[in-house]
Amino acid sequence: MTRPALHAMSALALAAACLAPRPALAQGKAAAETLFDRGRQQLASRQTEAACHSFEDSQRLDPGIGTLLYLADCYEKLGRTASAWATFREAESTAKAAGQAEREAVARKRASALEPRLARIVVSVAPGASARDLEVRRDGEPVVPALWGAPIPIDPGTHRIEASAPGRKGWSTTLDIAAKGGETKVSVPELALDPAAAPPAVAAPASPAVAPAAAPEPTGGSQRTWALVAGGVGVAGAVVGTLFGLQARSKNADASDHCRADRPTLCDAQGVSLGDDAKRAATTSTLAFAVGGVALAGGVALWLTAPTSRGAALALAPTAGSTSAGLVLRGGF
């Protein structure tokens, strides 16, 4: 098949895939809609925490600006001011990208109203601690070095700050963030050495130089493997040559029945066809015998010249005289 034809078939397959129904996607949207409706009902009946979980699951299955706005409002009702502010900001940027100016304005107004109430945490790191492979986490989530010393909005409540580094004792502290806002500062100290940590490896004193043992000579296993492969090809060539030789003989005998006895070169159409078949079979037989013979000879040569485990080997060397030429097998065991 030509390359343009392959491109055309690929384009058709892609178009068919795009036009085909997607039941999994449709089911995901249906589930998201069900969760969204449930969240609104839970919010109306003051089941605020359950409503937030429903909106979260709905947003995960089928993201939407309306779901983000409801989820942010739900967070605010729970007192999770930082989560509500961040979600309103996300809804604002998403609505702006979608060209929904009214929702963009609502989200911006709600986020701006929350900013004065935000509590923030500032994680600073001692200069000595930051020089090592220090890892800082807040409630199990990493605080990247770019945020060290920066005020980060955080929900009111209890939070845990941890620090760790290879070969050092871990450090942690627990903070109670008030809902009134403001900044809470925490400093990660230089971590103490951990005596239980494995000490660095000490290089052993150099030992007197010892001459390396001589590497064992190759046993010729790889060469013998190729010898067997070549021998197999030789045997296969002989089998194929024999089969086509028999076929040529049979075709030739059949062709003679369609030729004149006194002039064998005069044959009818079927006789000519059978004769041609006999010639082709004979040619194939000759080629198969030739290839098989070369492969078999090569296999024998490879086998005989492969080095032994004792390092000895046999070798074929050409020889020539005034009246003869040939190969001489030399070597020892």
C-alpha atoms as a PDB file:
ATOM      1  CA  MET A   1       0.000   0.000   0.000  1.00  0.00           C
ATOM      2  CA  THR A   2       1.402   3.444  -0.925  1.00  0.00           C
ATOM      3  CA  ARG A   3       2.217   6.090   1.671  1.00  0.00           C
ATOM      4  CA  PRO A   4      -0.587   8.487   0.528  1.00  0.00           C
ATOM      5  CA  ALA A   5      -3.067   5.632   0.858  1.00  0.00           C
ATOM      6  CA  LEU A   6      -1.834   4.915   4.383  1.00  0.00           C
ATOM      7  CA  HIS A   7      -2.193   8.598   5.326  1.00  0.00           C
ATOM      8  CA  ALA A   8      -5.721   8.651   3.932  1.00  0.00           C
ATOM      9  CA  MET A   9      -6.713   5.557   5.912  1.00  0.00           C
ATOM     10  CA  SER A  10      -5.216   7.046   9.106  1.00  0.00           C
ATOM     11  CA  ALA A  11      -7.188  10.268   8.596  1.00  0.00           C
ATOM     12  CA  LEU A  12     -10.411   8.316   8.058  1.00  0.00           C
ATOM     13  CA  ALA A  13      -9.767   6.247  11.193  1.00  0.00           C
ATOM     14  CA  LEU A  14      -9.139   9.396  13.237  1.00  0.00           C
ATOM     15  CA  ALA A  15     -12.312  11.009  11.932  1.00  0.00           C
ATOM     16  CA  ALA A  16     -14.319   7.914  12.728  1.00  0.00           C
ATOM     17  CA  ALA A  17     -12.883   7.843  16.257  1.00  0.00           C
ATOM     18  CA  CYS A  18     -13.835  11.499  16.785  1.00  0.00           C
ATOM     19  CA  LEU A  19     -17.371  10.958  15.521  1.00  0.00           C
ATOM     20  CA  ALA A  20     -17.913   7.705  17.413  1.00  0.00           C
ATOM     21  CA  PRO A  21     -19.994   7.886  20.621  1.00  0.00           C
ATOM     22  CA  ARG A  22     -18.038   7.920  23.852  1.00  0.00           C
ATOM     23  CA  PRO A  23     -20.159   6.189  26.458  1.00  0.00           C
ATOM     24  CA  ALA A  24     -17.485   6.461  29.155  1.00  0.00           C
ATOM     25  CA  LEU A  25     -17.281  10.248  28.711  1.00  0.00           C
ATOM     26  CA  ALA A  26     -21.056  10.563  28.698  1.00  0.00           C
ATOM     27  CA  GLN A  27     -21.311   8.487  31.865  1.00  0.00           C
ATOM     28  CA  GLY A  28     -18.657  10.660  33.527  1.00  0.00           C
ATOM     29  CA  LYS A  29     -20.628  13.810  32.712  1.00  0.00           C
ATOM     30  CA  ALA A  30     -23.833  12.238  33.975  1.00  0.00           C
ATOM     31  CA  ALA A  31     -22.158  11.234  37.241  1.00  0.00           C
ATOM     32  CA  ALA A  32     -20.687  14.739  37.620  1.00  0.00           C
ATOM     33  CA  GLU A  33     -24.119  16.288  37.107  1.00  0.00           C
ATOM     34  CA  THR A  34     -25.630  13.954  39.712  1.00  0.00           C
ATOM     35  CA  LEU A  35     -22.917  14.856  42.238  1.00  0.00           C
ATOM     36  CA  PHE A  36     -23.371  18.565  41.501  1.00  0.00           C
ATOM     37  CA  ASP A  37     -27.135  18.357  42.175  1.00  0.00           C
ATOM     38  CA  ARG A  38     -26.486  16.364  45.354  1.00  0.00           C
ATOM     39  CA  GLY A  39     -23.988  18.976  46.543  1.00  0.00           C
ATOM     40  CA  ARG A  40     -26.523  21.778  46.071  1.00  0.00           C
ATOM     41  CA  GLN A  41     -29.116  19.820  48.040  1.00  0.00           C
ATOM     42  CA  GLN A  42     -26.623  19.113  50.824  1.00  0.00           C
ATOM     43  CA  LEU A  43     -25.615  22.753  50.926  1.00  0.00           C
ATOM     44  CA  ALA A  44     -29.267  23.809  51.220  1.00  0.00           C
ATOM     45  CA  SER A  45     -29.795  21.382  54.119  1.00  0.00           C
ATOM     46  CA  ARG A  46     -26.621  22.676  55.872  1.00  0.00           C
ATOM     47  CA  GLN A  47     -24.610  19.487  55.248  1.00  0.00           C
ATOM     48  CA  THR A  48     -21.712  21.697  54.282  1.00  0.00           C
ATOM     49  CA  GLU A  49     -18.805  19.254  54.572  1.00  0.00           C
ATOM     50  CA  ALA A  50     -20.658  16.555  52.633  1.00  0.00           C
ATOM     51  CA  ALA A  51     -21.574  19.149  49.995  1.00  0.00           C
ATOM     52  CA  CYS A  52     -17.908  20.103  49.556  1.00  0.00           C
ATOM     53  CA  HIS A  53     -17.003  16.438  48.935  1.00  0.00           C
ATOM     54  CA  SER A  54     -19.770  16.168  46.328  1.00  0.00           C
ATOM     55  CA  PHE A  55     -18.613  19.310  44.513  1.00  0.00           C
ATOM     56  CA  GLU A  56     -14.989  18.097  44.608  1.00  0.00           C
ATOM     57  CA  ASP A  57     -15.932  14.769  43.012  1.00  0.00           C
ATOM     58  CA  SER A  58     -18.110  16.495  40.413  1.00  0.00           C
ATOM     59  CA  GLN A  59     -15.269  18.856  39.465  1.00  0.00           C
ATOM     60  CA  ARG A  60     -12.856  15.939  39.167  1.00  0.00           C
ATOM     61  CA  LEU A  61     -15.176  14.059  36.774  1.00  0.00           C
ATOM     62  CA  ASP A  62     -16.244  17.045  34.652  1.00  0.00           C
ATOM     63  CA  PRO A  63     -14.551  20.384  35.427  1.00  0.00           C
ATOM     64  CA  GLY A  64     -16.834  23.411  35.193  1.00  0.00           C
ATOM     65  CA  ILE A  65     -16.846  27.076  36.227  1.00  0.00           C
ATOM     66  CA  GLY A  66     -20.183  26.752  37.987  1.00  0.00           C
ATOM     67  CA  THR A  67     -18.916  23.809  40.015  1.00  0.00           C
ATOM     68  CA  LEU A  68     -15.805  25.797  40.999  1.00  0.00           C
ATOM     69  CA  LEU A  69     -17.956  28.688  42.232  1.00  0.00           C
ATOM     70  CA  TYR A  70     -20.135  26.392  44.335  1.00  0.00           C
ATOM     71  CA  LEU A  71     -17.077  24.577  45.686  1.00  0.00           C
ATOM     72  CA  ALA A  72     -15.388  27.862  46.677  1.00  0.00           C
ATOM     73  CA  ASP A  73     -18.565  29.028  48.408  1.00  0.00           C
ATOM     74  CA  CYS A  74     -18.721  25.692  50.235  1.00  0.00           C
ATOM     75  CA  TYR A  75     -15.104  26.059  51.427  1.00  0.00           C
ATOM     76  CA  GLU A  76     -15.850  29.550  52.693  1.00  0.00           C
ATOM     77  CA  LYS A  77     -18.836  28.290  54.694  1.00  0.00           C
ATOM     78  CA  LEU A  78     -16.545  25.686  56.306  1.00  0.00           C
ATOM     79  CA  GLY A  79     -14.078  28.407  57.302  1.00  0.00           C
ATOM     80  CA  ARG A  80     -11.410  27.155  54.890  1.00  0.00           C
ATOM     81  CA  THR A  81     -10.637  30.666  53.736  1.00  0.00           C
ATOM     82  CA  ALA A  82      -7.397  29.895  51.855  1.00  0.00           C
ATOM     83  CA  SER A  83      -9.008  27.035  49.905  1.00  0.00           C
ATOM     84  CA  ALA A  84     -12.025  29.224  49.109  1.00  0.00           C
ATOM     85  CA  TRP A  85      -9.807  32.126  47.959  1.00  0.00           C
ATOM     86  CA  ALA A  86      -7.677  29.876  45.741  1.00  0.00           C
ATOM     87  CA  THR A  87     -10.772  28.250  44.190  1.00  0.00           C
ATOM     88  CA  PHE A  88     -12.416  31.609  43.496  1.00  0.00           C
ATOM     89  CA  ARG A  89      -9.196  32.725  41.803  1.00  0.00           C
ATOM     90  CA  GLU A  90      -9.201  29.549  39.689  1.00  0.00           C
ATOM     91  CA  ALA A  91     -12.838  30.170  38.710  1.00  0.00           C
ATOM     92  CA  GLU A  92     -11.947  33.764  37.789  1.00  0.00           C
ATOM     93  CA  SER A  93      -9.125  32.764  35.425  1.00  0.00           C
ATOM     94  CA  THR A  94     -11.183  29.928  33.905  1.00  0.00           C
ATOM     95  CA  ALA A  95     -14.165  32.217  33.296  1.00  0.00           C
ATOM     96  CA  LYS A  96     -11.890  34.850  31.731  1.00  0.00           C
ATOM     97  CA  ALA A  97     -10.428  32.276  29.351  1.00  0.00           C
ATOM     98  CA  ALA A  98     -13.956  31.136  28.436  1.00  0.00           C
ATOM     99  CA  GLY A  99     -15.181  34.688  27.835  1.00  0.00           C
ATOM    100  CA  GLN A 100     -17.749  34.509  30.665  1.00  0.00           C
ATOM    101  CA  ALA A 101     -17.400  38.067  31.997  1.00  0.00           C
ATOM    102  CA  GLU A 102     -20.234  37.850  34.539  1.00  0.00           C
ATOM    103  CA  ARG A 103     -18.843  34.776  36.276  1.00  0.00           C
ATOM    104  CA  GLU A 104     -15.344  36.249  36.087  1.00  0.00           C
ATOM    105  CA  ALA A 105     -16.562  39.367  37.930  1.00  0.00           C
ATOM    106  CA  VAL A 106     -18.375  37.330  40.598  1.00  0.00           C
ATOM    107  CA  ALA A 107     -15.320  35.154  41.275  1.00  0.00           C
ATOM    108  CA  ARG A 108     -12.990  38.196  41.438  1.00  0.00           C
ATOM    109  CA  LYS A 109     -15.290  39.998  43.891  1.00  0.00           C
ATOM    110  CA  ARG A 110     -15.577  36.974  46.182  1.00  0.00           C
ATOM    111  CA  ALA A 111     -11.796  36.376  46.140  1.00  0.00           C
ATOM    112  CA  SER A 112     -11.083  40.049  46.922  1.00  0.00           C
ATOM    113  CA  ALA A 113     -13.501  39.963  49.856  1.00  0.00           C
ATOM    114  CA  LEU A 114     -11.615  36.999  51.347  1.00  0.00           C
ATOM    115  CA  GLU A 115      -8.107  38.467  51.102  1.00  0.00           C
ATOM    116  CA  PRO A 116      -8.189  40.544  54.328  1.00  0.00           C
ATOM    117  CA  ARG A 117      -9.278  37.443  56.267  1.00  0.00           C
ATOM    118  CA  LEU A 118      -6.560  35.152  54.950  1.00  0.00           C
ATOM    119  CA  ALA A 119      -4.159  33.525  57.380  1.00  0.00           C
ATOM    120  CA  ARG A 120      -0.632  33.116  56.039  1.00  0.00           C
ATOM    121  CA  ILE A 121       2.351  31.036  57.075  1.00  0.00           C
ATOM    122  CA  VAL A 122       5.988  31.970  56.472  1.00  0.00           C
ATOM    123  CA  VAL A 123       8.448  29.060  56.526  1.00  0.00           C
ATOM    124  CA  SER A 124      12.043  30.216  56.833  1.00  0.00           C
ATOM    125  CA  VAL A 125      15.100  27.986  56.779  1.00  0.00           C
ATOM    126  CA  ALA A 126      18.374  28.487  58.631  1.00  0.00           C
ATOM    127  CA  PRO A 127      21.280  29.245  56.262  1.00  0.00           C
ATOM    128  CA  GLY A 128      23.223  26.197  57.433  1.00  0.00           C
ATOM    129  CA  ALA A 129      20.260  23.895  56.885  1.00  0.00           C
ATOM    130  CA  SER A 130      19.521  25.017  53.342  1.00  0.00           C
ATOM    131  CA  ALA A 131      23.011  24.082  52.181  1.00  0.00           C
ATOM    132  CA  ARG A 132      22.220  20.397  52.475  1.00  0.00           C
ATOM    133  CA  ASP A 133      19.607  18.267  50.733  1.00  0.00           C
ATOM    134  CA  LEU A 134      16.878  19.621  52.978  1.00  0.00           C
ATOM    135  CA  GLU A 135      13.260  18.667  52.386  1.00  0.00           C
ATOM    136  CA  VAL A 136      10.497  20.701  54.035  1.00  0.00           C
ATOM    137  CA  ARG A 137       6.905  19.488  54.128  1.00  0.00           C
ATOM    138  CA  ARG A 138       3.656  21.062  55.298  1.00  0.00           C
ATOM    139  CA  ASP A 139       0.960  18.538  56.179  1.00  0.00           C
ATOM    140  CA  GLY A 140       2.852  15.973  54.123  1.00  0.00           C
ATOM    141  CA  GLU A 141       3.062  18.178  51.011  1.00  0.00           C
ATOM    142  CA  PRO A 142       6.503  19.497  49.940  1.00  0.00           C
ATOM    143  CA  VAL A 143       7.302  23.195  50.370  1.00  0.00           C
ATOM    144  CA  VAL A 144       9.684  23.960  47.508  1.00  0.00           C
ATOM    145  CA  PRO A 145      12.709  26.210  48.191  1.00  0.00           C
ATOM    146  CA  ALA A 146      11.186  28.976  46.029  1.00  0.00           C
ATOM    147  CA  LEU A 147       8.464  29.382  48.694  1.00  0.00           C
ATOM    148  CA  TRP A 148      10.821  29.503  51.682  1.00  0.00           C
ATOM    149  CA  GLY A 149      10.357  32.899  53.340  1.00  0.00           C
ATOM    150  CA  ALA A 150       7.209  33.717  51.329  1.00  0.00           C
ATOM    151  CA  PRO A 151       3.800  34.250  53.004  1.00  0.00           C
ATOM    152  CA  ILE A 152       1.584  31.352  51.861  1.00  0.00           C
ATOM    153  CA  PRO A 153      -2.219  31.460  52.411  1.00  0.00           C
ATOM    154  CA  ILE A 154      -3.292  28.623  54.662  1.00  0.00           C
ATOM    155  CA  ASP A 155      -6.594  27.370  56.072  1.00  0.00           C
ATOM    156  CA  PRO A 156      -7.149  27.928  59.806  1.00  0.00           C
ATOM    157  CA  GLY A 157      -6.594  24.870  61.981  1.00  0.00           C
ATOM    158  CA  THR A 158      -3.765  22.576  63.046  1.00  0.00           C
ATOM    159  CA  HIS A 159      -0.836  22.122  60.664  1.00  0.00           C
ATOM    160  CA  ARG A 160       2.418  20.183  60.886  1.00  0.00           C
ATOM    161  CA  ILE A 161       5.747  21.375  59.499  1.00  0.00           C
ATOM    162  CA  GLU A 162       8.511  18.781  59.006  1.00  0.00           C
ATOM    163  CA  ALA A 163      12.100  18.894  57.802  1.00  0.00           C
ATOM    164  CA  SER A 164      14.517  16.101  56.921  1.00  0.00           C
ATOM    165  CA  ALA A 165      17.912  15.633  55.286  1.00  0.00           C
ATOM    166  CA  PRO A 166      20.239  12.667  54.673  1.00  0.00           C
ATOM    167  CA  GLY A 167      22.400  11.866  57.702  1.00  0.00           C
ATOM    168  CA  ARG A 168      20.477  14.338  59.904  1.00  0.00           C
ATOM    169  CA  LYS A 169      17.852  14.006  62.588  1.00  0.00           C
ATOM    170  CA  GLY A 170      14.362  14.944  61.485  1.00  0.00           C
ATOM    171  CA  TRP A 171      12.594  17.991  62.881  1.00  0.00           C
ATOM    172  CA  SER A 172       8.896  18.874  63.143  1.00  0.00           C
ATOM    173  CA  THR A 173       6.547  21.299  64.816  1.00  0.00           C
ATOM    174  CA  THR A 174       2.767  21.709  65.067  1.00  0.00           C
ATOM    175  CA  LEU A 175       1.041  25.036  64.538  1.00  0.00           C
ATOM    176  CA  ASP A 176      -2.473  26.197  65.417  1.00  0.00           C
ATOM    177  CA  ILE A 177      -3.509  28.757  62.827  1.00  0.00           C
ATOM    178  CA  ALA A 178      -6.242  31.117  64.029  1.00  0.00           C
ATOM    179  CA  ALA A 179      -9.167  32.135  61.845  1.00  0.00           C
ATOM    180  CA  LYS A 180      -8.577  35.849  62.389  1.00  0.00           C
ATOM    181  CA  GLY A 181      -5.882  36.013  59.753  1.00  0.00           C
ATOM    182  CA  GLY A 182      -2.402  37.461  59.958  1.00  0.00           C
ATOM    183  CA  GLU A 183       1.004  35.832  59.514  1.00  0.00           C
ATOM    184  CA  THR A 184       2.476  32.938  61.443  1.00  0.00           C
ATOM    185  CA  LYS A 185       6.231  32.490  61.139  1.00  0.00           C
ATOM    186  CA  VAL A 186       8.098  29.248  61.644  1.00  0.00           C
ATOM    187  CA  SER A 187      11.859  28.767  61.338  1.00  0.00           C
ATOM    188  CA  VAL A 188      13.413  25.439  60.400  1.00  0.00           C
ATOM    189  CA  PRO A 189      16.677  25.109  62.385  1.00  0.00           C
ATOM    190  CA  GLU A 190      19.885  23.527  61.229  1.00  0.00           C
ATOM    191  CA  LEU A 191      19.326  19.802  61.634  1.00  0.00           C
ATOM    192  CA  ALA A 192      21.556  17.892  64.019  1.00  0.00           C
ATOM    193  CA  LEU A 193      23.694  14.994  62.883  1.00  0.00           C
ATOM    194  CA  ASP A 194      22.106  11.593  63.314  1.00  0.00           C
ATOM    195  CA  PRO A 195      24.486   9.207  65.126  1.00  0.00           C
ATOM    196  CA  ALA A 196      22.433   6.262  63.931  1.00  0.00           C
ATOM    197  CA  ALA A 197      23.046   7.181  60.318  1.00  0.00           C
ATOM    198  CA  ALA A 198      25.599   5.016  58.527  1.00  0.00           C
ATOM    199  CA  PRO A 199      29.046   6.681  58.494  1.00  0.00           C
ATOM    200  CA  PRO A 200      30.588   7.405  55.129  1.00  0.00           C
ATOM    201  CA  ALA A 201      32.522   4.553  53.637  1.00  0.00           C
ATOM    202  CA  VAL A 202      36.283   4.647  54.328  1.00  0.00           C
ATOM    203  CA  ALA A 203      38.566   3.431  51.593  1.00  0.00           C
ATOM    204  CA  ALA A 204      40.532   0.320  52.553  1.00  0.00           C
ATOM    205  CA  PRO A 205      44.345   0.591  52.491  1.00  0.00           C
ATOM    206  CA  ALA A 206      45.818  -0.312  49.184  1.00  0.00           C
ATOM    207  CA  SER A 207      47.093  -3.875  49.027  1.00  0.00           C
ATOM    208  CA  PRO A 208      50.304  -4.866  47.272  1.00  0.00           C
ATOM    209  CA  ALA A 209      49.918  -5.091  43.575  1.00  0.00           C
ATOM    210  CA  VAL A 210      49.203  -8.596  42.434  1.00  0.00           C
ATOM    211  CA  ALA A 211      49.464  -9.562  38.859  1.00  0.00           C
ATOM    212  CA  PRO A 212      46.022 -10.420  37.537  1.00  0.00           C
ATOM    213  CA  ALA A 213      45.416 -14.028  36.701  1.00  0.00           C
ATOM    214  CA  ALA A 214      45.525 -14.771  33.057  1.00  0.00           C
ATOM    215  CA  ALA A 215      42.104 -14.794  31.560  1.00  0.00           C
ATOM    216  CA  PRO A 216      41.031 -18.178  30.297  1.00  0.00           C
ATOM    217  CA  GLU A 217      41.289 -18.509  26.595  1.00  0.00           C
ATOM    218  CA  PRO A 218      38.080 -18.786  24.657  1.00  0.00           C
ATOM    219  CA  THR A 219      36.668 -22.229  24.298  1.00  0.00           C
ATOM    220  CA  GLY A 220      35.324 -21.679  20.810  1.00  0.00           C
ATOM    221  CA  GLY A 221      31.709 -22.256  21.890  1.00  0.00           C
ATOM    222  CA  SER A 222      30.432 -19.355  19.812  1.00  0.00           C
ATOM    223  CA  GLN A 223      32.349 -20.517  16.731  1.00  0.00           C
ATOM    224  CA  ARG A 224      31.036 -24.055  17.107  1.00  0.00           C
ATOM    225  CA  THR A 225      27.507 -22.671  17.354  1.00  0.00           C
ATOM    226  CA  TRP A 226      27.954 -20.954  13.991  1.00  0.00           C
ATOM    227  CA  ALA A 227      29.458 -24.167  12.665  1.00  0.00           C
ATOM    228  CA  LEU A 228      26.292 -26.052  13.601  1.00  0.00           C
ATOM    229  CA  VAL A 229      24.140 -23.359  12.000  1.00  0.00           C
ATOM    230  CA  ALA A 230      26.146 -23.556   8.781  1.00  0.00           C
ATOM    231  CA  GLY A 231      25.923 -27.332   8.855  1.00  0.00           C
ATOM    232  CA  GLY A 232      22.158 -27.114   9.223  1.00  0.00           C
ATOM    233  CA  VAL A 233      21.988 -24.831   6.192  1.00  0.00           C
ATOM    234  CA  GLY A 234      24.127 -27.306   4.262  1.00  0.00           C
ATOM    235  CA  VAL A 235      21.838 -30.209   5.126  1.00  0.00           C
ATOM    236  CA  ALA A 236      18.780 -28.159   4.192  1.00  0.00           C
ATOM    237  CA  GLY A 237      20.381 -27.284   0.850  1.00  0.00           C
ATOM    238  CA  ALA A 238      21.014 -30.970   0.143  1.00  0.00           C
ATOM    239  CA  VAL A 239      17.399 -31.862   0.980  1.00  0.00           C
ATOM    240  CA  VAL A 240      15.998 -29.079  -1.209  1.00  0.00           C
ATOM    241  CA  GLY A 241      18.384 -29.998  -4.050  1.00  0.00           C
ATOM    242  CA  THR A 242      17.291 -33.630  -3.878  1.00  0.00           C
ATOM    243  CA  LEU A 243      13.587 -32.770  -3.936  1.00  0.00           C
ATOM    244  CA  PHE A 244      13.887 -30.426  -6.916  1.00  0.00           C
ATOM    245  CA  GLY A 245      16.155 -32.936  -8.692  1.00  0.00           C
ATOM    246  CA  LEU A 246      13.469 -35.591  -8.381  1.00  0.00           C
ATOM    247  CA  GLN A 247      10.864 -33.098  -9.565  1.00  0.00           C
ATOM    248  CA  ALA A 248      12.996 -32.196 -12.622  1.00  0.00           C
ATOM    249  CA  ARG A 249      13.389 -35.853 -13.479  1.00  0.00           C
ATOM    250  CA  SER A 250       9.646 -36.452 -13.188  1.00  0.00           C
ATOM    251  CA  LYS A 251       8.752 -33.381 -15.273  1.00  0.00           C
ATOM    252  CA  ASN A 252      11.231 -34.368 -17.945  1.00  0.00           C
ATOM    253  CA  ALA A 253       9.737 -37.853 -18.163  1.00  0.00           C
ATOM    254  CA  ASP A 254       6.228 -36.378 -18.462  1.00  0.00           C
ATOM    255  CA  ALA A 255       7.383 -33.980 -21.176  1.00  0.00           C
ATOM    256  CA  SER A 256       8.822 -36.816 -23.319  1.00  0.00           C
ATOM    257  CA  ASP A 257       5.329 -38.329 -23.577  1.00  0.00           C
ATOM    258  CA  HIS A 258       4.235 -35.225 -25.494  1.00  0.00           C
ATOM    259  CA  CYS A 259       7.167 -35.194 -27.932  1.00  0.00           C
ATOM    260  CA  ARG A 260       7.806 -37.219 -31.118  1.00  0.00           C
ATOM    261  CA  ALA A 261       9.873 -40.343 -30.566  1.00  0.00           C
ATOM    262  CA  ASP A 262      11.918 -39.839 -33.744  1.00  0.00           C
ATOM    263  CA  ARG A 263      12.450 -36.116 -33.093  1.00  0.00           C
ATOM    264  CA  PRO A 264      12.420 -35.423 -29.323  1.00  0.00           C
ATOM    265  CA  THR A 265      12.717 -31.693 -29.880  1.00  0.00           C
ATOM    266  CA  LEU A 266       9.305 -31.509 -31.513  1.00  0.00           C
ATOM    267  CA  CYS A 267       6.689 -31.365 -28.730  1.00  0.00           C
ATOM    268  CA  ASP A 268       3.195 -30.076 -28.319  1.00  0.00           C
ATOM    269  CA  ALA A 269       2.345 -27.087 -26.057  1.00  0.00           C
ATOM    270  CA  GLN A 270       1.988 -29.199 -22.925  1.00  0.00           C
ATOM    271  CA  GLY A 271       5.285 -30.926 -23.639  1.00  0.00           C
ATOM    272  CA  VAL A 272       7.038 -27.567 -23.989  1.00  0.00           C
ATOM    273  CA  SER A 273       5.518 -26.362 -20.706  1.00  0.00           C
ATOM    274  CA  LEU A 274       6.554 -29.527 -18.871  1.00  0.00           C
ATOM    275  CA  GLY A 275      10.041 -29.211 -20.321  1.00  0.00           C
ATOM    276  CA  ASP A 276      10.351 -25.664 -19.055  1.00  0.00           C
ATOM    277  CA  ASP A 277       9.194 -26.786 -15.611  1.00  0.00           C
ATOM    278  CA  ALA A 278      11.804 -29.528 -15.650  1.00  0.00           C
ATOM    279  CA  LYS A 279      14.553 -27.017 -16.521  1.00  0.00           C
ATOM    280  CA  ARG A 280      13.535 -24.656 -13.724  1.00  0.00           C
ATOM    281  CA  ALA A 281      13.443 -27.491 -11.196  1.00  0.00           C
ATOM    282  CA  ALA A 282      16.867 -28.685 -12.360  1.00  0.00           C
ATOM    283  CA  THR A 283      18.302 -25.167 -11.984  1.00  0.00           C
ATOM    284  CA  THR A 284      16.858 -24.833  -8.489  1.00  0.00           C
ATOM    285  CA  SER A 285      18.255 -28.230  -7.553  1.00  0.00           C
ATOM    286  CA  THR A 286      21.711 -27.255  -8.775  1.00  0.00           C
ATOM    287  CA  LEU A 287      21.669 -23.973  -6.840  1.00  0.00           C
ATOM    288  CA  ALA A 288      20.431 -25.676  -3.669  1.00  0.00           C
ATOM    289  CA  PHE A 289      23.192 -28.284  -3.861  1.00  0.00           C
ATOM    290  CA  ALA A 290      25.775 -25.550  -4.467  1.00  0.00           C
ATOM    291  CA  VAL A 291      24.637 -23.398  -1.518  1.00  0.00           C
ATOM    292  CA  GLY A 292      24.316 -26.445   0.705  1.00  0.00           C
ATOM    293  CA  GLY A 293      27.769 -27.627  -0.238  1.00  0.00           C
ATOM    294  CA  VAL A 294      29.370 -24.269   0.526  1.00  0.00           C
ATOM    295  CA  ALA A 295      27.520 -23.981   3.847  1.00  0.00           C
ATOM    296  CA  LEU A 296      28.435 -27.526   4.839  1.00  0.00           C
ATOM    297  CA  ALA A 297      32.095 -26.951   3.977  1.00  0.00           C
ATOM    298  CA  GLY A 298      32.097 -23.704   5.932  1.00  0.00           C
ATOM    299  CA  GLY A 299      30.514 -25.428   8.920  1.00  0.00           C
ATOM    300  CA  VAL A 300      33.184 -28.118   8.910  1.00  0.00           C
ATOM    301  CA  ALA A 301      35.909 -25.490   8.682  1.00  0.00           C
ATOM    302  CA  LEU A 302      34.450 -23.481  11.555  1.00  0.00           C
ATOM    303  CA  TRP A 303      34.131 -26.585  13.720  1.00  0.00           C
ATOM    304  CA  LEU A 304      37.681 -27.770  13.063  1.00  0.00           C
ATOM    305  CA  THR A 305      39.286 -24.344  13.589  1.00  0.00           C
ATOM    306  CA  ALA A 306      37.418 -23.488  16.816  1.00  0.00           C
ATOM    307  CA  PRO A 307      39.838 -23.137  19.799  1.00  0.00           C
ATOM    308  CA  THR A 308      39.594 -25.800  22.474  1.00  0.00           C
ATOM    309  CA  SER A 309      39.446 -25.242  26.245  1.00  0.00           C
ATOM    310  CA  ARG A 310      43.210 -25.856  26.382  1.00  0.00           C
ATOM    311  CA  GLY A 311      43.860 -23.043  23.922  1.00  0.00           C
ATOM    312  CA  ALA A 312      44.876 -25.439  21.139  1.00  0.00           C
ATOM    313  CA  ALA A 313      43.227 -25.099  17.782  1.00  0.00           C
ATOM    314  CA  LEU A 314      43.203 -26.596  14.348  1.00  0.00           C
ATOM    315  CA  ALA A 315      43.654 -24.409  11.312  1.00  0.00           C
ATOM    316  CA  LEU A 316      43.182 -24.788   7.579  1.00  0.00           C
ATOM    317  CA  ALA A 317      46.041 -23.353   5.501  1.00  0.00           C
ATOM    318  CA  PRO A 318      46.265 -23.173   1.721  1.00  0.00           C
ATOM    319  CA  THR A 319      49.090 -25.060  -0.001  1.00  0.00           C
ATOM    320  CA  ALA A 320      50.252 -25.095  -3.601  1.00  0.00           C
ATOM    321  CA  GLY A 321      52.843 -26.960  -5.588  1.00  0.00           C
ATOM    322  CA  SER A 322      53.983 -27.167  -9.173  1.00  0.00           C
ATOM    323  CA  THR A 323      51.287 -29.682 -10.061  1.00  0.00           C
ATOM    324  CA  SER A 324      48.699 -29.426  -7.282  1.00  0.00           C
ATOM    325  CA  ALA A 325      46.911 -27.103  -4.899  1.00  0.00           C
ATOM    326  CA  GLY A 326      44.780 -27.669  -1.845  1.00  0.00           C
ATOM    327  CA  LEU A 327      44.223 -27.124   1.874  1.00  0.00           C
ATOM    328  CA  VAL A 328      46.334 -28.509   4.727  1.00  0.00           C
ATOM    329  CA  LEU A 329      44.886 -29.053   8.226  1.00  0.00           C
ATOM    330  CA  ARG A 330      47.475 -28.085  10.853  1.00  0.00           C
ATOM    331  CA  GLY A 331      47.351 -27.960  14.660  1.00  0.00           C
ATOM    332  CA  GLY A 332      47.616 -30.073  17.740  1.00  0.00           C
ATOM    333  CA  PHE A 333      45.854 -31.154  20.905  1.00  0.00           C
END
